[in-house]
Amino acid sequence: MTLTIKEKTAGNLARTVQLLNRTNQFTCNGLRVTEKSLSELLEQDARIFGATLTDDGGNHGEVLSLLVDAVGNIRNFAMSCRVFQRYVEHVFFVDSGSV
Protein backbone atom coordinates (compact mmCIF):
# COMPACT_ATOMS: atom_id res chain seq x y z
CA MET A 1 0.00 0.00 0.00
CA THR A 2 1.06 3.56 -0.68
CA LEU A 3 -0.42 6.43 1.31
CA THR A 4 0.23 9.86 -0.21
CA ILE A 5 -0.31 12.84 2.09
CA LYS A 6 -0.77 16.34 0.66
CA GLU A 7 -1.72 19.69 2.04
CA LYS A 8 -4.91 20.95 0.44
CA THR A 9 -5.64 24.41 -0.98
CA ALA A 10 -8.84 26.39 -1.44
CA GLY A 11 -9.03 25.17 -5.03
CA ASN A 12 -9.30 21.45 -4.28
CA LEU A 13 -11.68 21.00 -1.35
CA ALA A 14 -14.62 19.11 -2.89
CA ARG A 15 -13.55 15.66 -1.68
CA THR A 16 -12.63 17.08 1.73
CA VAL A 17 -16.16 18.46 2.08
CA GLN A 18 -17.60 15.07 1.02
CA LEU A 19 -15.55 13.15 3.58
CA LEU A 20 -16.19 15.55 6.45
CA ASN A 21 -19.96 15.66 5.82
CA ARG A 22 -20.84 12.02 5.21
CA THR A 23 -22.60 10.32 8.07
CA ASN A 24 -21.27 6.89 7.07
CA GLN A 25 -17.65 7.97 7.45
CA PHE A 26 -15.51 7.82 10.55
CA THR A 27 -15.63 11.42 11.77
CA CYS A 28 -14.35 12.76 15.07
CA ASN A 29 -17.06 15.33 15.80
CA GLY A 30 -19.84 15.27 13.19
CA LEU A 31 -19.57 18.99 12.41
CA ARG A 32 -20.65 19.87 8.88
CA VAL A 33 -18.54 22.08 6.60
CA THR A 34 -18.82 23.81 3.23
CA GLU A 35 -16.14 24.70 0.69
CA LYS A 36 -16.71 28.34 1.62
CA SER A 37 -16.23 27.72 5.35
CA LEU A 38 -13.06 25.72 4.69
CA SER A 39 -11.70 28.41 2.38
CA GLU A 40 -12.35 31.02 5.07
CA LEU A 41 -10.49 28.90 7.62
CA LEU A 42 -7.55 28.56 5.22
CA GLU A 43 -7.47 32.36 4.96
CA GLN A 44 -7.13 32.39 8.78
CA ASP A 45 -4.02 30.14 8.62
CA ALA A 46 -5.79 26.81 9.12
CA ARG A 47 -4.29 23.82 7.30
CA ILE A 48 -6.09 20.96 5.58
CA PHE A 49 -4.42 17.65 4.74
CA GLY A 50 -5.70 14.84 2.58
CA ALA A 51 -4.41 11.35 1.94
CA THR A 52 -4.86 9.05 -1.04
CA LEU A 53 -4.34 5.31 -0.98
CA THR A 54 -3.21 2.97 -3.72
CA ASP A 55 -2.46 -0.73 -3.49
CA ASP A 56 -2.36 -3.85 -5.64
CA GLY A 57 -6.13 -3.55 -6.09
CA GLY A 58 -5.91 -0.05 -7.55
CA ASN A 59 -6.36 3.55 -6.56
CA HIS A 60 -8.79 4.14 -3.69
CA GLY A 61 -8.65 7.92 -4.13
CA GLU A 62 -8.70 10.41 -1.28
CA VAL A 63 -9.61 8.43 1.83
CA LEU A 64 -8.76 10.79 4.67
CA SER A 65 -9.12 14.49 5.52
CA LEU A 66 -7.79 16.48 8.45
CA LEU A 67 -8.49 20.12 9.34
CA VAL A 68 -6.10 21.82 11.76
CA ASP A 69 -6.91 25.34 12.95
CA ALA A 70 -4.43 28.22 13.06
CA VAL A 71 -3.24 27.33 16.59
CA GLY A 72 -2.72 23.64 15.85
CA ASN A 73 -5.95 22.10 17.17
CA ILE A 74 -7.57 19.33 15.15
CA ARG A 75 -11.01 20.65 14.18
CA ASN A 76 -12.16 17.82 11.90
CA PHE A 77 -10.90 14.39 10.97
CA ALA A 78 -12.61 11.94 8.65
CA MET A 79 -11.61 8.65 7.11
CA SER A 80 -13.41 6.61 4.50
CA CYS A 81 -14.89 3.38 5.80
CA ARG A 82 -13.25 1.63 2.80
CA VAL A 83 -9.91 1.74 4.59
CA PHE A 84 -10.91 0.71 8.10
CA GLN A 85 -8.59 -1.89 9.63
CA ARG A 86 -5.81 -1.05 7.17
CA TYR A 87 -3.90 1.17 9.64
CA VAL A 88 -4.18 4.21 7.35
CA GLU A 89 -4.76 6.55 10.30
CA HIS A 90 -1.68 5.20 12.07
CA VAL A 91 0.56 5.86 9.09
CA PHE A 92 -1.07 9.24 8.46
CA PHE A 93 -0.46 10.58 11.96
CA VAL A 94 3.10 9.25 12.16
CA ASP A 95 4.13 10.42 8.67
CA SER A 96 2.30 13.75 8.63
CA GLY A 97 4.13 14.90 11.74
CA SER A 98 6.95 16.09 9.50
CA VAL A 99 4.72 18.11 7.13
PDB file of N, CA and C in Angstrom:
ATOM      1  N   MET A   1       0.833  -1.181   0.000  1.00  0.00           N
ATOM      2  CA  MET A   1       0.000   0.000   0.000  1.00  0.00           C
ATOM      3  C   MET A   1       0.878   1.244   0.000  1.00  0.00           C
ATOM      4  N   THR A   2       0.380   2.278  -0.673  1.00  0.00           N
ATOM      5  CA  THR A   2       1.059   3.559  -0.677  1.00  0.00           C
ATOM      6  C   THR A   2       0.071   4.636  -0.253  1.00  0.00           C
ATOM      7  N   LEU A   3       0.395   5.325   0.830  1.00  0.00           N
ATOM      8  CA  LEU A   3      -0.422   6.430   1.310  1.00  0.00           C
ATOM      9  C   LEU A   3       0.304   7.720   0.959  1.00  0.00           C
ATOM     10  N   THR A   4      -0.358   8.591   0.200  1.00  0.00           N
ATOM     11  CA  THR A   4       0.229   9.860  -0.207  1.00  0.00           C
ATOM     12  C   THR A   4      -0.498  10.976   0.529  1.00  0.00           C
ATOM     13  N   ILE A   5       0.257  11.768   1.278  1.00  0.00           N
ATOM     14  CA  ILE A   5      -0.305  12.842   2.092  1.00  0.00           C
ATOM     15  C   ILE A   5       0.043  14.176   1.442  1.00  0.00           C
ATOM     16  N   LYS A   6      -0.985  15.026   1.267  1.00  0.00           N
ATOM     17  CA  LYS A   6      -0.767  16.337   0.660  1.00  0.00           C
ATOM     18  C   LYS A   6      -1.558  17.388   1.419  1.00  0.00           C
ATOM     19  N   GLU A   7      -0.982  18.573   1.487  1.00  0.00           N
ATOM     20  CA  GLU A   7      -1.717  19.693   2.039  1.00  0.00           C
ATOM     21  C   GLU A   7      -2.664  20.207   0.964  1.00  0.00           C
ATOM     22  N   LYS A   8      -3.877  20.512   1.374  1.00  0.00           N
ATOM     23  CA  LYS A   8      -4.913  20.950   0.435  1.00  0.00           C
ATOM     24  C   LYS A   8      -4.931  22.476   0.341  1.00  0.00           C
ATOM     25  N   THR A   9      -5.480  22.981  -0.768  1.00  0.00           N
ATOM     26  CA  THR A   9      -5.641  24.415  -0.978  1.00  0.00           C
ATOM     27  C   THR A   9      -7.113  24.715  -1.219  1.00  0.00           C
ATOM     28  N   ALA A  10      -7.443  25.994  -1.249  1.00  0.00           N
ATOM     29  CA  ALA A  10      -8.839  26.394  -1.445  1.00  0.00           C
ATOM     30  C   ALA A  10      -9.405  25.890  -2.771  1.00  0.00           C
ATOM     31  N   GLY A  11      -8.556  25.600  -3.727  1.00  0.00           N
ATOM     32  CA  GLY A  11      -9.030  25.170  -5.031  1.00  0.00           C
ATOM     33  C   GLY A  11      -9.364  23.697  -5.161  1.00  0.00           C
ATOM     34  N   ASN A  12      -9.061  22.894  -4.144  1.00  0.00           N
ATOM     35  CA  ASN A  12      -9.301  21.445  -4.282  1.00  0.00           C
ATOM     36  C   ASN A  12      -9.928  20.855  -3.011  1.00  0.00           C
ATOM     37  N   LEU A  13     -11.058  21.407  -2.612  1.00  0.00           N
ATOM     38  CA  LEU A  13     -11.676  21.003  -1.349  1.00  0.00           C
ATOM     39  C   LEU A  13     -12.924  20.148  -1.488  1.00  0.00           C
ATOM     40  N   ALA A  14     -13.355  19.832  -2.709  1.00  0.00           N
ATOM     41  CA  ALA A  14     -14.618  19.114  -2.894  1.00  0.00           C
ATOM     42  C   ALA A  14     -14.628  17.758  -2.172  1.00  0.00           C
ATOM     43  N   ARG A  15     -13.585  16.970  -2.327  1.00  0.00           N
ATOM     44  CA  ARG A  15     -13.552  15.656  -1.676  1.00  0.00           C
ATOM     45  C   ARG A  15     -13.431  15.808  -0.161  1.00  0.00           C
ATOM     46  N   THR A  16     -12.733  16.820   0.300  1.00  0.00           N
ATOM     47  CA  THR A  16     -12.631  17.081   1.730  1.00  0.00           C
ATOM     48  C   THR A  16     -14.016  17.337   2.311  1.00  0.00           C
ATOM     49  N   VAL A  17     -14.796  18.161   1.633  1.00  0.00           N
ATOM     50  CA  VAL A  17     -16.162  18.456   2.083  1.00  0.00           C
ATOM     51  C   VAL A  17     -16.991  17.170   2.103  1.00  0.00           C
ATOM     52  N   GLN A  18     -16.863  16.353   1.062  1.00  0.00           N
ATOM     53  CA  GLN A  18     -17.596  15.075   1.024  1.00  0.00           C
ATOM     54  C   GLN A  18     -17.250  14.213   2.233  1.00  0.00           C
ATOM     55  N   LEU A  19     -15.970  14.009   2.471  1.00  0.00           N
ATOM     56  CA  LEU A  19     -15.547  13.150   3.576  1.00  0.00           C
ATOM     57  C   LEU A  19     -16.010  13.685   4.931  1.00  0.00           C
ATOM     58  N   LEU A  20     -15.844  14.980   5.147  1.00  0.00           N
ATOM     59  CA  LEU A  20     -16.185  15.547   6.451  1.00  0.00           C
ATOM     60  C   LEU A  20     -17.686  15.596   6.706  1.00  0.00           C
ATOM     61  N   ASN A  21     -18.509  15.546   5.651  1.00  0.00           N
ATOM     62  CA  ASN A  21     -19.956  15.661   5.822  1.00  0.00           C
ATOM     63  C   ASN A  21     -20.721  14.339   5.756  1.00  0.00           C
ATOM     64  N   ARG A  22     -20.105  13.291   5.330  1.00  0.00           N
ATOM     65  CA  ARG A  22     -20.838  12.024   5.206  1.00  0.00           C
ATOM     66  C   ARG A  22     -21.063  11.375   6.562  1.00  0.00           C
ATOM     67  N   THR A  23     -22.277  10.943   6.782  1.00  0.00           N
ATOM     68  CA  THR A  23     -22.596  10.318   8.072  1.00  0.00           C
ATOM     69  C   THR A  23     -22.075   8.898   8.159  1.00  0.00           C
ATOM     70  N   ASN A  24     -21.759   8.267   7.029  1.00  0.00           N
ATOM     71  CA  ASN A  24     -21.269   6.891   7.070  1.00  0.00           C
ATOM     72  C   ASN A  24     -19.744   6.822   7.109  1.00  0.00           C
ATOM     73  N   GLN A  25     -19.103   7.942   7.341  1.00  0.00           N
ATOM     74  CA  GLN A  25     -17.652   7.969   7.454  1.00  0.00           C
ATOM     75  C   GLN A  25     -17.265   8.027   8.920  1.00  0.00           C
ATOM     76  N   PHE A  26     -16.050   7.665   9.207  1.00  0.00           N
ATOM     77  CA  PHE A  26     -15.513   7.820  10.551  1.00  0.00           C
ATOM     78  C   PHE A  26     -15.147   9.289  10.719  1.00  0.00           C
ATOM     79  N   THR A  27     -15.916  10.012  11.509  1.00  0.00           N
ATOM     80  CA  THR A  27     -15.630  11.422  11.770  1.00  0.00           C
ATOM     81  C   THR A  27     -15.454  11.609  13.263  1.00  0.00           C
ATOM     82  N   CYS A  28     -14.639  12.586  13.647  1.00  0.00           N
ATOM     83  CA  CYS A  28     -14.354  12.758  15.071  1.00  0.00           C
ATOM     84  C   CYS A  28     -15.361  13.635  15.795  1.00  0.00           C
ATOM     85  N   ASN A  29     -16.141  14.459  15.082  1.00  0.00           N
ATOM     86  CA  ASN A  29     -17.063  15.332  15.801  1.00  0.00           C
ATOM     87  C   ASN A  29     -18.397  15.558  15.115  1.00  0.00           C
ATOM     88  N   GLY A  30     -18.566  15.138  13.884  1.00  0.00           N
ATOM     89  CA  GLY A  30     -19.839  15.267  13.192  1.00  0.00           C
ATOM     90  C   GLY A  30     -20.190  16.668  12.724  1.00  0.00           C
ATOM     91  N   LEU A  31     -19.282  17.631  12.868  1.00  0.00           N
ATOM     92  CA  LEU A  31     -19.565  18.989  12.408  1.00  0.00           C
ATOM     93  C   LEU A  31     -19.583  19.033  10.889  1.00  0.00           C
ATOM     94  N   ARG A  32     -20.540  19.753  10.325  1.00  0.00           N
ATOM     95  CA  ARG A  32     -20.654  19.874   8.877  1.00  0.00           C
ATOM     96  C   ARG A  32     -19.871  21.095   8.396  1.00  0.00           C
ATOM     97  N   VAL A  33     -19.332  21.001   7.183  1.00  0.00           N
ATOM     98  CA  VAL A  33     -18.544  22.080   6.599  1.00  0.00           C
ATOM     99  C   VAL A  33     -18.993  22.331   5.162  1.00  0.00           C
ATOM    100  N   THR A  34     -18.606  23.482   4.632  1.00  0.00           N
ATOM    101  CA  THR A  34     -18.820  23.814   3.227  1.00  0.00           C
ATOM    102  C   THR A  34     -17.470  24.207   2.635  1.00  0.00           C
ATOM    103  N   GLU A  35     -17.393  24.233   1.315  1.00  0.00           N
ATOM    104  CA  GLU A  35     -16.143  24.695   0.691  1.00  0.00           C
ATOM    105  C   GLU A  35     -15.855  26.129   1.107  1.00  0.00           C
ATOM    106  N   LYS A  36     -16.890  26.952   1.215  1.00  0.00           N
ATOM    107  CA  LYS A  36     -16.711  28.345   1.622  1.00  0.00           C
ATOM    108  C   LYS A  36     -16.154  28.427   3.042  1.00  0.00           C
ATOM    109  N   SER A  37     -16.708  27.653   3.958  1.00  0.00           N
ATOM    110  CA  SER A  37     -16.228  27.719   5.353  1.00  0.00           C
ATOM    111  C   SER A  37     -14.784  27.223   5.451  1.00  0.00           C
ATOM    112  N   LEU A  38     -14.437  26.203   4.682  1.00  0.00           N
ATOM    113  CA  LEU A  38     -13.057  25.716   4.691  1.00  0.00           C
ATOM    114  C   LEU A  38     -12.110  26.739   4.085  1.00  0.00           C
ATOM    115  N   SER A  39     -12.529  27.374   3.003  1.00  0.00           N
ATOM    116  CA  SER A  39     -11.697  28.412   2.376  1.00  0.00           C
ATOM    117  C   SER A  39     -11.455  29.563   3.342  1.00  0.00           C
ATOM    118  N   GLU A  40     -12.500  29.939   4.082  1.00  0.00           N
ATOM    119  CA  GLU A  40     -12.352  31.021   5.068  1.00  0.00           C
ATOM    120  C   GLU A  40     -11.368  30.615   6.172  1.00  0.00           C
ATOM    121  N   LEU A  41     -11.430  29.372   6.606  1.00  0.00           N
ATOM    122  CA  LEU A  41     -10.486  28.896   7.623  1.00  0.00           C
ATOM    123  C   LEU A  41      -9.057  28.900   7.087  1.00  0.00           C
ATOM    124  N   LEU A  42      -8.881  28.517   5.826  1.00  0.00           N
ATOM    125  CA  LEU A  42      -7.547  28.558   5.219  1.00  0.00           C
ATOM    126  C   LEU A  42      -7.007  29.982   5.191  1.00  0.00           C
ATOM    127  N   GLU A  43      -7.879  30.954   4.953  1.00  0.00           N
ATOM    128  CA  GLU A  43      -7.468  32.360   4.963  1.00  0.00           C
ATOM    129  C   GLU A  43      -7.026  32.804   6.359  1.00  0.00           C
ATOM    130  N   GLN A  44      -7.488  32.081   7.391  1.00  0.00           N
ATOM    131  CA  GLN A  44      -7.129  32.393   8.777  1.00  0.00           C
ATOM    132  C   GLN A  44      -6.004  31.484   9.269  1.00  0.00           C
ATOM    133  N   ASP A  45      -5.209  30.960   8.339  1.00  0.00           N
ATOM    134  CA  ASP A  45      -4.024  30.142   8.622  1.00  0.00           C
ATOM    135  C   ASP A  45      -4.320  28.727   9.099  1.00  0.00           C
ATOM    136  N   ALA A  46      -5.527  28.230   8.875  1.00  0.00           N
ATOM    137  CA  ALA A  46      -5.790  26.814   9.123  1.00  0.00           C
ATOM    138  C   ALA A  46      -5.073  26.005   8.044  1.00  0.00           C
ATOM    139  N   ARG A  47      -4.917  24.709   8.287  1.00  0.00           N
ATOM    140  CA  ARG A  47      -4.293  23.818   7.304  1.00  0.00           C
ATOM    141  C   ARG A  47      -5.190  22.599   7.123  1.00  0.00           C
ATOM    142  N   ILE A  48      -5.291  22.137   5.891  1.00  0.00           N
ATOM    143  CA  ILE A  48      -6.087  20.955   5.578  1.00  0.00           C
ATOM    144  C   ILE A  48      -5.185  19.959   4.874  1.00  0.00           C
ATOM    145  N   PHE A  49      -5.228  18.719   5.336  1.00  0.00           N
ATOM    146  CA  PHE A  49      -4.424  17.653   4.743  1.00  0.00           C
ATOM    147  C   PHE A  49      -5.353  16.561   4.235  1.00  0.00           C
ATOM    148  N   GLY A  50      -4.974  15.970   3.135  1.00  0.00           N
ATOM    149  CA  GLY A  50      -5.702  14.841   2.576  1.00  0.00           C
ATOM    150  C   GLY A  50      -4.726  13.713   2.302  1.00  0.00           C
ATOM    151  N   ALA A  51      -5.252  12.499   2.245  1.00  0.00           N
ATOM    152  CA  ALA A  51      -4.405  11.346   1.942  1.00  0.00           C
ATOM    153  C   ALA A  51      -5.111  10.452   0.939  1.00  0.00           C
ATOM    154  N   THR A  52      -4.355  10.012  -0.058  1.00  0.00           N
ATOM    155  CA  THR A  52      -4.863   9.055  -1.035  1.00  0.00           C
ATOM    156  C   THR A  52      -4.175   7.716  -0.815  1.00  0.00           C
ATOM    157  N   LEU A  53      -4.870   6.659  -1.180  1.00  0.00           N
ATOM    158  CA  LEU A  53      -4.340   5.315  -0.979  1.00  0.00           C
ATOM    159  C   LEU A  53      -4.381   4.525  -2.273  1.00  0.00           C
ATOM    160  N   THR A  54      -3.263   3.905  -2.607  1.00  0.00           N
ATOM    161  CA  THR A  54      -3.205   2.965  -3.725  1.00  0.00           C
ATOM    162  C   THR A  54      -2.602   1.665  -3.215  1.00  0.00           C
ATOM    163  N   ASP A  55      -3.013   0.573  -3.837  1.00  0.00           N
ATOM    164  CA  ASP A  55      -2.459  -0.732  -3.491  1.00  0.00           C
ATOM    165  C   ASP A  55      -2.562  -1.636  -4.705  1.00  0.00           C
ATOM    166  N   ASP A  56      -2.301  -2.911  -4.527  1.00  0.00           N
ATOM    167  CA  ASP A  56      -2.356  -3.854  -5.644  1.00  0.00           C
ATOM    168  C   ASP A  56      -3.732  -3.899  -6.306  1.00  0.00           C
ATOM    169  N   GLY A  57      -4.766  -3.546  -5.557  1.00  0.00           N
ATOM    170  CA  GLY A  57      -6.128  -3.551  -6.086  1.00  0.00           C
ATOM    171  C   GLY A  57      -6.487  -2.301  -6.867  1.00  0.00           C
ATOM    172  N   GLY A  58      -5.646  -1.270  -6.806  1.00  0.00           N
ATOM    173  CA  GLY A  58      -5.907  -0.049  -7.553  1.00  0.00           C
ATOM    174  C   GLY A  58      -5.828   1.188  -6.696  1.00  0.00           C
ATOM    175  N   ASN A  59      -6.378   2.262  -7.230  1.00  0.00           N
ATOM    176  CA  ASN A  59      -6.356   3.549  -6.557  1.00  0.00           C
ATOM    177  C   ASN A  59      -7.671   3.733  -5.806  1.00  0.00           C
ATOM    178  N   HIS A  60      -7.595   3.946  -4.512  1.00  0.00           N
ATOM    179  CA  HIS A  60      -8.791   4.144  -3.686  1.00  0.00           C
ATOM    180  C   HIS A  60      -9.176   5.610  -3.597  1.00  0.00           C
ATOM    181  N   GLY A  61      -8.362   6.495  -4.163  1.00  0.00           N
ATOM    182  CA  GLY A  61      -8.648   7.920  -4.135  1.00  0.00           C
ATOM    183  C   GLY A  61      -8.365   8.525  -2.773  1.00  0.00           C
ATOM    184  N   GLU A  62      -8.909   9.719  -2.555  1.00  0.00           N
ATOM    185  CA  GLU A  62      -8.705  10.405  -1.280  1.00  0.00           C
ATOM    186  C   GLU A  62      -9.564   9.731  -0.215  1.00  0.00           C
ATOM    187  N   VAL A  63      -8.917   9.231   0.818  1.00  0.00           N
ATOM    188  CA  VAL A  63      -9.610   8.434   1.828  1.00  0.00           C
ATOM    189  C   VAL A  63      -9.577   9.055   3.217  1.00  0.00           C
ATOM    190  N   LEU A  64      -8.924  10.202   3.352  1.00  0.00           N
ATOM    191  CA  LEU A  64      -8.760  10.786   4.672  1.00  0.00           C
ATOM    192  C   LEU A  64      -8.618  12.301   4.545  1.00  0.00           C
ATOM    193  N   SER A  65      -9.242  13.029   5.472  1.00  0.00           N
ATOM    194  CA  SER A  65      -9.124  14.486   5.524  1.00  0.00           C
ATOM    195  C   SER A  65      -8.928  14.928   6.963  1.00  0.00           C
ATOM    196  N   LEU A  66      -8.085  15.933   7.133  1.00  0.00           N
ATOM    197  CA  LEU A  66      -7.792  16.477   8.453  1.00  0.00           C
ATOM    198  C   LEU A  66      -7.748  17.997   8.364  1.00  0.00           C
ATOM    199  N   LEU A  67      -8.491  18.668   9.254  1.00  0.00           N
ATOM    200  CA  LEU A  67      -8.494  20.124   9.342  1.00  0.00           C
ATOM    201  C   LEU A  67      -7.870  20.526  10.666  1.00  0.00           C
ATOM    202  N   VAL A  68      -6.804  21.322  10.580  1.00  0.00           N
ATOM    203  CA  VAL A  68      -6.099  21.823  11.761  1.00  0.00           C
ATOM    204  C   VAL A  68      -6.247  23.338  11.774  1.00  0.00           C
ATOM    205  N   ASP A  69      -6.720  23.894  12.902  1.00  0.00           N
ATOM    206  CA  ASP A  69      -6.913  25.344  12.948  1.00  0.00           C
ATOM    207  C   ASP A  69      -5.578  26.073  13.077  1.00  0.00           C
ATOM    208  N   ALA A  70      -5.640  27.383  13.097  1.00  0.00           N
ATOM    209  CA  ALA A  70      -4.433  28.218  13.062  1.00  0.00           C
ATOM    210  C   ALA A  70      -3.532  28.031  14.279  1.00  0.00           C
ATOM    211  N   VAL A  71      -4.072  27.532  15.391  1.00  0.00           N
ATOM    212  CA  VAL A  71      -3.236  27.330  16.585  1.00  0.00           C
ATOM    213  C   VAL A  71      -2.815  25.877  16.767  1.00  0.00           C
ATOM    214  N   GLY A  72      -3.177  25.014  15.811  1.00  0.00           N
ATOM    215  CA  GLY A  72      -2.718  23.636  15.848  1.00  0.00           C
ATOM    216  C   GLY A  72      -3.697  22.621  16.407  1.00  0.00           C
ATOM    217  N   ASN A  73      -4.941  23.035  16.674  1.00  0.00           N
ATOM    218  CA  ASN A  73      -5.953  22.100  17.167  1.00  0.00           C
ATOM    219  C   ASN A  73      -6.622  21.375  16.011  1.00  0.00           C
ATOM    220  N   ILE A  74      -6.833  20.089  16.156  1.00  0.00           N
ATOM    221  CA  ILE A  74      -7.567  19.330  15.146  1.00  0.00           C
ATOM    222  C   ILE A  74      -9.037  19.696  15.267  1.00  0.00           C
ATOM    223  N   ARG A  75      -9.603  20.243  14.188  1.00  0.00           N
ATOM    224  CA  ARG A  75     -11.009  20.646  14.177  1.00  0.00           C
ATOM    225  C   ARG A  75     -11.890  19.556  13.584  1.00  0.00           C
ATOM    226  N   ASN A  76     -11.400  18.890  12.554  1.00  0.00           N
ATOM    227  CA  ASN A  76     -12.160  17.820  11.900  1.00  0.00           C
ATOM    228  C   ASN A  76     -11.192  16.751  11.415  1.00  0.00           C
ATOM    229  N   PHE A  77     -11.648  15.524  11.507  1.00  0.00           N
ATOM    230  CA  PHE A  77     -10.897  14.391  10.966  1.00  0.00           C
ATOM    231  C   PHE A  77     -11.909  13.408  10.431  1.00  0.00           C
ATOM    232  N   ALA A  78     -11.706  12.932   9.225  1.00  0.00           N
ATOM    233  CA  ALA A  78     -12.610  11.941   8.647  1.00  0.00           C
ATOM    234  C   ALA A  78     -11.814  10.952   7.816  1.00  0.00           C
ATOM    235  N   MET A  79     -12.264   9.715   7.867  1.00  0.00           N
ATOM    236  CA  MET A  79     -11.607   8.655   7.112  1.00  0.00           C
ATOM    237  C   MET A  79     -12.684   7.797   6.458  1.00  0.00           C
ATOM    238  N   SER A  80     -12.464   7.451   5.222  1.00  0.00           N
ATOM    239  CA  SER A  80     -13.411   6.614   4.503  1.00  0.00           C
ATOM    240  C   SER A  80     -13.498   5.231   5.140  1.00  0.00           C
ATOM    241  N   CYS A  81     -14.708   4.712   5.219  1.00  0.00           N
ATOM    242  CA  CYS A  81     -14.890   3.378   5.796  1.00  0.00           C
ATOM    243  C   CYS A  81     -14.246   2.292   4.929  1.00  0.00           C
ATOM    244  N   ARG A  82     -13.907   2.608   3.680  1.00  0.00           N
ATOM    245  CA  ARG A  82     -13.250   1.627   2.799  1.00  0.00           C
ATOM    246  C   ARG A  82     -11.879   1.206   3.310  1.00  0.00           C
ATOM    247  N   VAL A  83     -11.274   2.035   4.160  1.00  0.00           N
ATOM    248  CA  VAL A  83      -9.913   1.740   4.588  1.00  0.00           C
ATOM    249  C   VAL A  83      -9.812   1.399   6.074  1.00  0.00           C
ATOM    250  N   PHE A  84     -10.951   1.155   6.710  1.00  0.00           N
ATOM    251  CA  PHE A  84     -10.907   0.709   8.102  1.00  0.00           C
ATOM    252  C   PHE A  84     -10.080  -0.569   8.211  1.00  0.00           C
ATOM    253  N   GLN A  85      -9.404  -0.724   9.301  1.00  0.00           N
ATOM    254  CA  GLN A  85      -8.590  -1.894   9.627  1.00  0.00           C
ATOM    255  C   GLN A  85      -7.415  -2.077   8.677  1.00  0.00           C
ATOM    256  N   ARG A  86      -6.985  -0.987   8.033  1.00  0.00           N
ATOM    257  CA  ARG A  86      -5.809  -1.051   7.171  1.00  0.00           C
ATOM    258  C   ARG A  86      -4.692  -0.176   7.721  1.00  0.00           C
ATOM    259  N   TYR A  87      -4.885   0.376   8.921  1.00  0.00           N
ATOM    260  CA  TYR A  87      -3.897   1.174   9.639  1.00  0.00           C
ATOM    261  C   TYR A  87      -3.533   2.471   8.934  1.00  0.00           C
ATOM    262  N   VAL A  88      -4.423   2.953   8.072  1.00  0.00           N
ATOM    263  CA  VAL A  88      -4.180   4.209   7.354  1.00  0.00           C
ATOM    264  C   VAL A  88      -3.999   5.360   8.330  1.00  0.00           C
ATOM    265  N   GLU A  89      -4.858   5.441   9.348  1.00  0.00           N
ATOM    266  CA  GLU A  89      -4.763   6.554  10.297  1.00  0.00           C
ATOM    267  C   GLU A  89      -3.460   6.510  11.086  1.00  0.00           C
ATOM    268  N   HIS A  90      -2.953   5.319  11.359  1.00  0.00           N
ATOM    269  CA  HIS A  90      -1.677   5.196  12.070  1.00  0.00           C
ATOM    270  C   HIS A  90      -0.536   5.773  11.226  1.00  0.00           C
ATOM    271  N   VAL A  91      -0.488   5.369   9.979  1.00  0.00           N
ATOM    272  CA  VAL A  91       0.561   5.858   9.085  1.00  0.00           C
ATOM    273  C   VAL A  91       0.404   7.359   8.865  1.00  0.00           C
ATOM    274  N   PHE A  92      -0.828   7.817   8.681  1.00  0.00           N
ATOM    275  CA  PHE A  92      -1.067   9.239   8.458  1.00  0.00           C
ATOM    276  C   PHE A  92      -0.538  10.087   9.599  1.00  0.00           C
ATOM    277  N   PHE A  93      -0.871   9.750  10.836  1.00  0.00           N
ATOM    278  CA  PHE A  93      -0.461  10.584  11.956  1.00  0.00           C
ATOM    279  C   PHE A  93       1.032  10.479  12.251  1.00  0.00           C
ATOM    280  N   VAL A  94       1.638   9.363  11.968  1.00  0.00           N
ATOM    281  CA  VAL A  94       3.097   9.247  12.162  1.00  0.00           C
ATOM    282  C   VAL A  94       3.824  10.004  11.056  1.00  0.00           C
ATOM    283  N   ASP A  95       3.433   9.800   9.795  1.00  0.00           N
ATOM    284  CA  ASP A  95       4.132  10.417   8.666  1.00  0.00           C
ATOM    285  C   ASP A  95       3.841  11.897   8.518  1.00  0.00           C
ATOM    286  N   SER A  96       2.630  12.351   8.846  1.00  0.00           N
ATOM    287  CA  SER A  96       2.297  13.751   8.626  1.00  0.00           C
ATOM    288  C   SER A  96       2.897  14.658   9.694  1.00  0.00           C
ATOM    289  N   GLY A  97       3.492  14.100  10.707  1.00  0.00           N
ATOM    290  CA  GLY A  97       4.134  14.903  11.741  1.00  0.00           C
ATOM    291  C   GLY A  97       5.283  15.725  11.203  1.00  0.00           C
ATOM    292  N   SER A  98       5.819  15.349  10.076  1.00  0.00           N
ATOM    293  CA  SER A  98       6.950  16.089   9.499  1.00  0.00           C
ATOM    294  C   SER A  98       6.508  17.111   8.455  1.00  0.00           C
ATOM    295  N   VAL A  99       5.214  17.187   8.170  1.00  0.00           N
ATOM    296  CA  VAL A  99       4.715  18.113   7.130  1.00  0.00           C
ATOM    297  C   VAL A  99       4.674  19.516   7.684  1.00  0.00           C
TER     298      VAL A  99
END
